[in-house]
Amino acid sequence: MTNHKIIVAIDGHSSCGKSTIAKAVAARFGYAFIDSGAMYRAVTLFALRHQLISEGTVNEQMLIGFLPEIQIEFRYNPEKQKSDTYLNGENVEDEIRQLPVSQNVSPVATIAEVRAAMVRLQQEMGKNKGIVMDGRDIGTVVFPKAELKLFVTASAEIRAQRRFDELTAKGEPVSYAEILQNVQERDRIDSTREASPLRKADDALILDNSNMTREEQLVWVIGKVEESLKFHVPDSK
């Protein structure tokens, strides 16, 4: 394996398996995995706990005022062999994956000041390279010079089914119709927001995984990372 490191930026629609791919690639190459979506989910959880969201409407000015008090970090969990998300010192990994957060994360993520604060934190995390980060604007805004950019997508129906299977496996009472509506609404908000809308970077490779197994996706992505590592060999001068 080569000694130099690159940044792998993975963008795409909600519930298309970006984090699963990113975690596997990070483990394969010994890179740090940074789940940018978890960061926005943590901010959303903070807002919900402080009654800053009412019927889908965010009290933006109050949330912006609270931003200096919101500390987010990732700590490796040896039992799970992955990183957990911490909000102000509390492990919130499970809570941020539940439907109340999913239903409110998109409007929180549209707030320009929230995005600016998260982008600063993400860029700080990636200063030494050797990271895999997934989200909505990683290749376009956070790391526009990333050596490898991927854009992951799948049909809304397939993404909703995957999310439904994931939540029901955890014993959560959810309906497929509600999840499909949530997926479609998140797509609409993510793609039309003013601050860093979801779009494919011009130099990103598209991975449509609608009809691919996780193993097939991983083989494809690992191949692209290895190609990028060979192509981006630093000057030995």
C-alpha atoms as a PDB file:
ATOM      1  CA  MET A   1       0.000   0.000   0.000  1.00  0.00           C
ATOM      2  CA  THR A   2       1.275   3.482  -0.804  1.00  0.00           C
ATOM      3  CA  ASN A   3       2.466   5.811   1.965  1.00  0.00           C
ATOM      4  CA  HIS A   4       0.842   8.995   0.641  1.00  0.00           C
ATOM      5  CA  LYS A   5      -2.790   9.704   1.377  1.00  0.00           C
ATOM      6  CA  ILE A   6      -5.688  11.293  -0.462  1.00  0.00           C
ATOM      7  CA  ILE A   7      -9.113  12.684   0.359  1.00  0.00           C
ATOM      8  CA  VAL A   8     -12.082  10.639  -0.841  1.00  0.00           C
ATOM      9  CA  ALA A   9     -15.244  12.785  -1.101  1.00  0.00           C
ATOM     10  CA  ILE A  10     -18.525  10.887  -1.415  1.00  0.00           C
ATOM     11  CA  ASP A  11     -21.706  12.833  -2.160  1.00  0.00           C
ATOM     12  CA  GLY A  12     -25.173  11.692  -3.081  1.00  0.00           C
ATOM     13  CA  HIS A  13     -28.839  11.422  -2.185  1.00  0.00           C
ATOM     14  CA  SER A  14     -30.148  10.427   1.247  1.00  0.00           C
ATOM     15  CA  SER A  15     -30.351   6.719   2.109  1.00  0.00           C
ATOM     16  CA  CYS A  16     -28.248   5.597  -0.865  1.00  0.00           C
ATOM     17  CA  GLY A  17     -25.600   3.892   1.247  1.00  0.00           C
ATOM     18  CA  LYS A  18     -22.931   6.608   1.169  1.00  0.00           C
ATOM     19  CA  SER A  19     -21.931   6.080   4.798  1.00  0.00           C
ATOM     20  CA  THR A  20     -21.759   2.299   4.417  1.00  0.00           C
ATOM     21  CA  ILE A  21     -19.431   2.661   1.430  1.00  0.00           C
ATOM     22  CA  ALA A  22     -17.366   5.374   3.137  1.00  0.00           C
ATOM     23  CA  LYS A  23     -16.893   3.339   6.331  1.00  0.00           C
ATOM     24  CA  ALA A  24     -15.807   0.259   4.388  1.00  0.00           C
ATOM     25  CA  VAL A  25     -13.352   2.223   2.234  1.00  0.00           C
ATOM     26  CA  ALA A  26     -11.910   3.977   5.290  1.00  0.00           C
ATOM     27  CA  ALA A  27     -11.393   0.623   7.021  1.00  0.00           C
ATOM     28  CA  ARG A  28      -9.817  -0.893   3.899  1.00  0.00           C
ATOM     29  CA  PHE A  29      -7.216   1.894   3.534  1.00  0.00           C
ATOM     30  CA  GLY A  30      -6.767   2.759   7.218  1.00  0.00           C
ATOM     31  CA  TYR A  31      -8.297   6.202   6.681  1.00  0.00           C
ATOM     32  CA  ALA A  32     -10.455   8.213   9.085  1.00  0.00           C
ATOM     33  CA  PHE A  33     -14.170   8.166   8.300  1.00  0.00           C
ATOM     34  CA  ILE A  34     -16.063  11.410   8.854  1.00  0.00           C
ATOM     35  CA  ASP A  35     -19.852  11.234   8.590  1.00  0.00           C
ATOM     36  CA  SER A  36     -20.844  14.798   7.708  1.00  0.00           C
ATOM     37  CA  GLY A  37     -24.525  13.833   7.742  1.00  0.00           C
ATOM     38  CA  ALA A  38     -24.178  12.799  11.380  1.00  0.00           C
ATOM     39  CA  MET A  39     -22.913  16.297  12.144  1.00  0.00           C
ATOM     40  CA  TYR A  40     -26.066  17.910  10.736  1.00  0.00           C
ATOM     41  CA  ARG A  41     -28.167  15.292  12.521  1.00  0.00           C
ATOM     42  CA  ALA A  42     -26.455  16.194  15.794  1.00  0.00           C
ATOM     43  CA  VAL A  43     -27.261  19.890  15.265  1.00  0.00           C
ATOM     44  CA  THR A  44     -30.860  18.881  14.506  1.00  0.00           C
ATOM     45  CA  LEU A  45     -31.054  16.827  17.704  1.00  0.00           C
ATOM     46  CA  PHE A  46     -29.750  19.835  19.659  1.00  0.00           C
ATOM     47  CA  ALA A  47     -32.442  22.007  18.059  1.00  0.00           C
ATOM     48  CA  LEU A  48     -35.185  19.488  18.871  1.00  0.00           C
ATOM     49  CA  ARG A  49     -34.043  19.192  22.479  1.00  0.00           C
ATOM     50  CA  HIS A  50     -34.082  22.969  22.860  1.00  0.00           C
ATOM     51  CA  GLN A  51     -37.548  23.331  21.257  1.00  0.00           C
ATOM     52  CA  LEU A  52     -36.114  25.261  18.310  1.00  0.00           C
ATOM     53  CA  ILE A  53     -38.191  23.296  15.756  1.00  0.00           C
ATOM     54  CA  SER A  54     -41.965  23.480  15.623  1.00  0.00           C
ATOM     55  CA  GLU A  55     -43.989  21.600  12.982  1.00  0.00           C
ATOM     56  CA  GLY A  56     -41.023  21.486  10.620  1.00  0.00           C
ATOM     57  CA  THR A  57     -40.130  25.171  11.035  1.00  0.00           C
ATOM     58  CA  VAL A  58     -36.755  26.008  12.546  1.00  0.00           C
ATOM     59  CA  ASN A  59     -36.169  29.064  14.725  1.00  0.00           C
ATOM     60  CA  GLU A  60     -33.096  29.959  12.693  1.00  0.00           C
ATOM     61  CA  GLN A  61     -31.898  32.989  14.645  1.00  0.00           C
ATOM     62  CA  MET A  62     -31.995  31.160  17.979  1.00  0.00           C
ATOM     63  CA  LEU A  63     -30.211  28.126  16.515  1.00  0.00           C
ATOM     64  CA  ILE A  64     -27.529  30.349  14.958  1.00  0.00           C
ATOM     65  CA  GLY A  65     -27.059  31.962  18.368  1.00  0.00           C
ATOM     66  CA  PHE A  66     -26.543  28.519  19.925  1.00  0.00           C
ATOM     67  CA  LEU A  67     -23.932  27.374  17.359  1.00  0.00           C
ATOM     68  CA  PRO A  68     -20.886  28.298  19.514  1.00  0.00           C
ATOM     69  CA  GLU A  69     -22.295  25.978  22.209  1.00  0.00           C
ATOM     70  CA  ILE A  70     -22.623  22.978  19.863  1.00  0.00           C
ATOM     71  CA  GLN A  71     -19.559  20.741  20.012  1.00  0.00           C
ATOM     72  CA  ILE A  72     -19.462  17.701  17.725  1.00  0.00           C
ATOM     73  CA  GLU A  73     -16.799  15.014  17.623  1.00  0.00           C
ATOM     74  CA  PHE A  74     -16.309  11.424  16.539  1.00  0.00           C
ATOM     75  CA  ARG A  75     -14.891   8.856  18.942  1.00  0.00           C
ATOM     76  CA  TYR A  76     -13.883   5.350  17.916  1.00  0.00           C
ATOM     77  CA  ASN A  77     -15.984   2.622  19.560  1.00  0.00           C
ATOM     78  CA  PRO A  78     -13.852  -0.557  19.788  1.00  0.00           C
ATOM     79  CA  GLU A  79     -16.902  -2.748  20.484  1.00  0.00           C
ATOM     80  CA  LYS A  80     -18.665  -1.645  17.293  1.00  0.00           C
ATOM     81  CA  GLN A  81     -15.360  -1.110  15.417  1.00  0.00           C
ATOM     82  CA  LYS A  82     -16.605   2.242  14.171  1.00  0.00           C
ATOM     83  CA  SER A  83     -16.850   5.842  15.298  1.00  0.00           C
ATOM     84  CA  ASP A  84     -19.788   7.157  17.309  1.00  0.00           C
ATOM     85  CA  THR A  85     -21.084  10.720  17.121  1.00  0.00           C
ATOM     86  CA  TYR A  86     -20.831  12.816  20.268  1.00  0.00           C
ATOM     87  CA  LEU A  87     -22.826  15.986  20.929  1.00  0.00           C
ATOM     88  CA  ASN A  88     -21.367  18.087  23.745  1.00  0.00           C
ATOM     89  CA  GLY A  89     -19.711  15.011  25.213  1.00  0.00           C
ATOM     90  CA  GLU A  90     -22.768  12.721  24.958  1.00  0.00           C
ATOM     91  CA  ASN A  91     -22.920   9.686  22.668  1.00  0.00           C
ATOM     92  CA  VAL A  92     -25.949  10.387  20.439  1.00  0.00           C
ATOM     93  CA  GLU A  93     -25.170   7.884  17.664  1.00  0.00           C
ATOM     94  CA  ASP A  94     -28.427   5.946  18.028  1.00  0.00           C
ATOM     95  CA  GLU A  95     -30.709   8.913  18.713  1.00  0.00           C
ATOM     96  CA  ILE A  96     -29.622  10.884  15.634  1.00  0.00           C
ATOM     97  CA  ARG A  97     -30.637   7.954  13.374  1.00  0.00           C
ATOM     98  CA  GLN A  98     -34.261   7.956  14.503  1.00  0.00           C
ATOM     99  CA  LEU A  99     -37.150   9.314  12.422  1.00  0.00           C
ATOM    100  CA  PRO A 100     -37.750  12.604  14.346  1.00  0.00           C
ATOM    101  CA  VAL A 101     -34.224  13.709  13.436  1.00  0.00           C
ATOM    102  CA  SER A 102     -34.533  12.378   9.854  1.00  0.00           C
ATOM    103  CA  GLN A 103     -37.732  14.371   9.375  1.00  0.00           C
ATOM    104  CA  ASN A 104     -36.121  17.649  10.470  1.00  0.00           C
ATOM    105  CA  VAL A 105     -32.489  17.463   9.370  1.00  0.00           C
ATOM    106  CA  SER A 106     -32.984  18.911   5.869  1.00  0.00           C
ATOM    107  CA  PRO A 107     -34.421  22.293   6.977  1.00  0.00           C
ATOM    108  CA  VAL A 108     -31.631  22.597   9.567  1.00  0.00           C
ATOM    109  CA  ALA A 109     -29.027  21.786   6.904  1.00  0.00           C
ATOM    110  CA  THR A 110     -30.351  24.548   4.628  1.00  0.00           C
ATOM    111  CA  ILE A 111     -29.296  27.258   7.111  1.00  0.00           C
ATOM    112  CA  ALA A 112     -26.187  28.942   5.677  1.00  0.00           C
ATOM    113  CA  GLU A 113     -24.637  29.681   9.089  1.00  0.00           C
ATOM    114  CA  VAL A 114     -25.043  26.049  10.167  1.00  0.00           C
ATOM    115  CA  ARG A 115     -23.399  24.834   6.979  1.00  0.00           C
ATOM    116  CA  ALA A 116     -20.545  27.321   7.323  1.00  0.00           C
ATOM    117  CA  ALA A 117     -19.855  26.155  10.888  1.00  0.00           C
ATOM    118  CA  MET A 118     -19.892  22.465   9.873  1.00  0.00           C
ATOM    119  CA  VAL A 119     -17.725  23.065   6.777  1.00  0.00           C
ATOM    120  CA  ARG A 120     -15.075  24.793   8.910  1.00  0.00           C
ATOM    121  CA  LEU A 121     -15.038  21.823  11.269  1.00  0.00           C
ATOM    122  CA  GLN A 122     -14.901  19.314   8.394  1.00  0.00           C
ATOM    123  CA  GLN A 123     -12.024  21.118   6.674  1.00  0.00           C
ATOM    124  CA  GLU A 124     -10.101  21.154   9.940  1.00  0.00           C
ATOM    125  CA  MET A 125     -10.628  17.390  10.253  1.00  0.00           C
ATOM    126  CA  GLY A 126      -9.273  16.847   6.729  1.00  0.00           C
ATOM    127  CA  LYS A 127      -6.136  18.979   6.871  1.00  0.00           C
ATOM    128  CA  ASN A 128      -3.778  15.979   6.927  1.00  0.00           C
ATOM    129  CA  LYS A 129      -5.703  14.008   4.261  1.00  0.00           C
ATOM    130  CA  GLY A 130      -6.179  10.280   4.710  1.00  0.00           C
ATOM    131  CA  ILE A 131      -9.923  10.710   5.206  1.00  0.00           C
ATOM    132  CA  VAL A 132     -13.148   9.513   3.638  1.00  0.00           C
ATOM    133  CA  MET A 133     -16.054  11.918   4.081  1.00  0.00           C
ATOM    134  CA  ASP A 134     -19.596  11.568   2.827  1.00  0.00           C
ATOM    135  CA  GLY A 135     -22.415  14.093   2.599  1.00  0.00           C
ATOM    136  CA  ARG A 136     -24.152  16.427   0.161  1.00  0.00           C
ATOM    137  CA  ASP A 137     -21.500  19.049  -0.623  1.00  0.00           C
ATOM    138  CA  ILE A 138     -18.163  17.382   0.149  1.00  0.00           C
ATOM    139  CA  GLY A 139     -16.776  17.404  -3.394  1.00  0.00           C
ATOM    140  CA  THR A 140     -18.308  20.764  -4.318  1.00  0.00           C
ATOM    141  CA  VAL A 141     -17.805  22.910  -1.191  1.00  0.00           C
ATOM    142  CA  VAL A 142     -15.894  21.187   1.619  1.00  0.00           C
ATOM    143  CA  PHE A 143     -13.090  19.598  -0.414  1.00  0.00           C
ATOM    144  CA  PRO A 144     -13.323  20.908  -3.995  1.00  0.00           C
ATOM    145  CA  LYS A 145      -9.733  19.710  -4.580  1.00  0.00           C
ATOM    146  CA  ALA A 146     -10.279  16.176  -3.267  1.00  0.00           C
ATOM    147  CA  GLU A 147      -8.281  13.651  -5.280  1.00  0.00           C
ATOM    148  CA  LEU A 148     -11.279  11.324  -5.684  1.00  0.00           C
ATOM    149  CA  LYS A 149     -14.926  12.395  -5.817  1.00  0.00           C
ATOM    150  CA  LEU A 150     -17.858   9.999  -6.052  1.00  0.00           C
ATOM    151  CA  PHE A 151     -21.554  10.767  -6.511  1.00  0.00           C
ATOM    152  CA  VAL A 152     -23.781   7.945  -5.268  1.00  0.00           C
ATOM    153  CA  THR A 153     -27.408   7.597  -6.251  1.00  0.00           C
ATOM    154  CA  ALA A 154     -30.288   5.125  -6.522  1.00  0.00           C
ATOM    155  CA  SER A 155     -34.021   5.375  -7.177  1.00  0.00           C
ATOM    156  CA  ALA A 156     -36.115   6.919  -4.380  1.00  0.00           C
ATOM    157  CA  GLU A 157     -38.163   3.735  -4.069  1.00  0.00           C
ATOM    158  CA  ILE A 158     -35.105   1.540  -3.576  1.00  0.00           C
ATOM    159  CA  ARG A 159     -33.613   3.983  -1.079  1.00  0.00           C
ATOM    160  CA  ALA A 160     -36.874   4.081   0.889  1.00  0.00           C
ATOM    161  CA  GLN A 161     -37.032   0.276   0.963  1.00  0.00           C
ATOM    162  CA  ARG A 162     -33.452   0.080   2.274  1.00  0.00           C
ATOM    163  CA  ARG A 163     -34.237   2.610   5.001  1.00  0.00           C
ATOM    164  CA  PHE A 164     -37.459   0.765   5.878  1.00  0.00           C
ATOM    165  CA  ASP A 165     -35.590  -2.550   6.181  1.00  0.00           C
ATOM    166  CA  GLU A 166     -32.903  -0.922   8.327  1.00  0.00           C
ATOM    167  CA  LEU A 167     -35.370   0.641  10.768  1.00  0.00           C
ATOM    168  CA  THR A 168     -37.672  -2.383  11.042  1.00  0.00           C
ATOM    169  CA  ALA A 169     -34.635  -4.564  11.735  1.00  0.00           C
ATOM    170  CA  LYS A 170     -34.035  -2.320  14.761  1.00  0.00           C
ATOM    171  CA  GLY A 171     -37.633  -2.902  15.853  1.00  0.00           C
ATOM    172  CA  GLU A 172     -38.828   0.623  15.071  1.00  0.00           C
ATOM    173  CA  PRO A 173     -42.509   0.950  14.014  1.00  0.00           C
ATOM    174  CA  VAL A 174     -42.337   2.779  10.672  1.00  0.00           C
ATOM    175  CA  SER A 175     -44.313   2.786   7.428  1.00  0.00           C
ATOM    176  CA  TYR A 176     -42.777   2.457   3.966  1.00  0.00           C
ATOM    177  CA  ALA A 177     -45.053   5.214   2.595  1.00  0.00           C
ATOM    178  CA  GLU A 178     -43.902   7.652   5.293  1.00  0.00           C
ATOM    179  CA  ILE A 179     -40.243   6.859   4.635  1.00  0.00           C
ATOM    180  CA  LEU A 180     -40.655   7.220   0.842  1.00  0.00           C
ATOM    181  CA  GLN A 181     -42.287  10.611   1.369  1.00  0.00           C
ATOM    182  CA  ASN A 182     -39.399  11.602   3.664  1.00  0.00           C
ATOM    183  CA  VAL A 183     -36.797  10.492   1.083  1.00  0.00           C
ATOM    184  CA  GLN A 184     -38.502  12.413  -1.724  1.00  0.00           C
ATOM    185  CA  GLU A 185     -38.906  15.541   0.416  1.00  0.00           C
ATOM    186  CA  ARG A 186     -35.259  15.412   1.494  1.00  0.00           C
ATOM    187  CA  ASP A 187     -34.209  15.115  -2.162  1.00  0.00           C
ATOM    188  CA  ARG A 188     -36.274  18.191  -3.002  1.00  0.00           C
ATOM    189  CA  ILE A 189     -34.911  20.270  -0.116  1.00  0.00           C
ATOM    190  CA  ASP A 190     -31.298  19.125  -0.575  1.00  0.00           C
ATOM    191  CA  SER A 191     -31.314  19.906  -4.303  1.00  0.00           C
ATOM    192  CA  THR A 192     -33.068  23.298  -4.116  1.00  0.00           C
ATOM    193  CA  ARG A 193     -31.589  24.910  -1.006  1.00  0.00           C
ATOM    194  CA  GLU A 194     -29.615  28.129  -1.435  1.00  0.00           C
ATOM    195  CA  ALA A 195     -26.610  27.140   0.693  1.00  0.00           C
ATOM    196  CA  SER A 196     -24.503  24.380  -0.906  1.00  0.00           C
ATOM    197  CA  PRO A 197     -27.258  22.507  -2.782  1.00  0.00           C
ATOM    198  CA  LEU A 198     -26.775  18.829  -3.563  1.00  0.00           C
ATOM    199  CA  ARG A 199     -25.199  18.483  -6.997  1.00  0.00           C
ATOM    200  CA  LYS A 200     -22.624  16.322  -8.667  1.00  0.00           C
ATOM    201  CA  ALA A 201     -19.166  17.874  -8.868  1.00  0.00           C
ATOM    202  CA  ASP A 202     -18.018  18.202 -12.481  1.00  0.00           C
ATOM    203  CA  ASP A 203     -15.142  15.775 -11.886  1.00  0.00           C
ATOM    204  CA  ALA A 204     -17.083  13.255  -9.746  1.00  0.00           C
ATOM    205  CA  LEU A 205     -17.604   9.653 -10.834  1.00  0.00           C
ATOM    206  CA  ILE A 206     -21.232   8.464 -10.704  1.00  0.00           C
ATOM    207  CA  LEU A 207     -22.120   5.274  -8.835  1.00  0.00           C
ATOM    208  CA  ASP A 208     -25.756   4.244  -9.373  1.00  0.00           C
ATOM    209  CA  ASN A 209     -26.121   1.376  -6.932  1.00  0.00           C
ATOM    210  CA  SER A 210     -29.826   0.670  -7.519  1.00  0.00           C
ATOM    211  CA  ASN A 211     -29.056  -2.883  -8.637  1.00  0.00           C
ATOM    212  CA  MET A 212     -25.709  -3.516  -6.963  1.00  0.00           C
ATOM    213  CA  THR A 213     -24.894  -5.492  -3.838  1.00  0.00           C
ATOM    214  CA  ARG A 214     -22.758  -3.901  -1.135  1.00  0.00           C
ATOM    215  CA  GLU A 215     -19.896  -6.179  -2.140  1.00  0.00           C
ATOM    216  CA  GLU A 216     -20.107  -5.093  -5.795  1.00  0.00           C
ATOM    217  CA  GLN A 217     -20.149  -1.423  -4.780  1.00  0.00           C
ATOM    218  CA  LEU A 218     -17.142  -1.855  -2.514  1.00  0.00           C
ATOM    219  CA  VAL A 219     -15.092  -3.638  -5.168  1.00  0.00           C
ATOM    220  CA  TRP A 220     -15.859  -0.830  -7.638  1.00  0.00           C
ATOM    221  CA  VAL A 221     -15.003   1.968  -5.188  1.00  0.00           C
ATOM    222  CA  ILE A 222     -11.807   0.309  -3.919  1.00  0.00           C
ATOM    223  CA  GLY A 223     -10.665   0.012  -7.525  1.00  0.00           C
ATOM    224  CA  LYS A 224     -11.249   3.748  -8.035  1.00  0.00           C
ATOM    225  CA  VAL A 225      -9.337   4.618  -4.846  1.00  0.00           C
ATOM    226  CA  GLU A 226      -6.390   2.471  -5.922  1.00  0.00           C
ATOM    227  CA  GLU A 227      -6.385   4.118  -9.363  1.00  0.00           C
ATOM    228  CA  SER A 228      -6.448   7.564  -7.736  1.00  0.00           C
ATOM    229  CA  LEU A 229      -3.578   6.689  -5.389  1.00  0.00           C
ATOM    230  CA  LYS A 230      -1.464   5.643  -8.383  1.00  0.00           C
ATOM    231  CA  PHE A 231      -2.397   8.780 -10.336  1.00  0.00           C
ATOM    232  CA  HIS A 232      -1.839  11.235  -7.471  1.00  0.00           C
ATOM    233  CA  VAL A 233       1.656  10.160  -6.454  1.00  0.00           C
ATOM    234  CA  PRO A 234       3.326  13.225  -4.863  1.00  0.00           C
ATOM    235  CA  ASP A 235       6.469  14.689  -6.430  1.00  0.00           C
ATOM    236  CA  SER A 236       9.536  13.081  -4.850  1.00  0.00           C
ATOM    237  CA  LYS A 237      11.642  16.217  -5.365  1.00  0.00           C
END
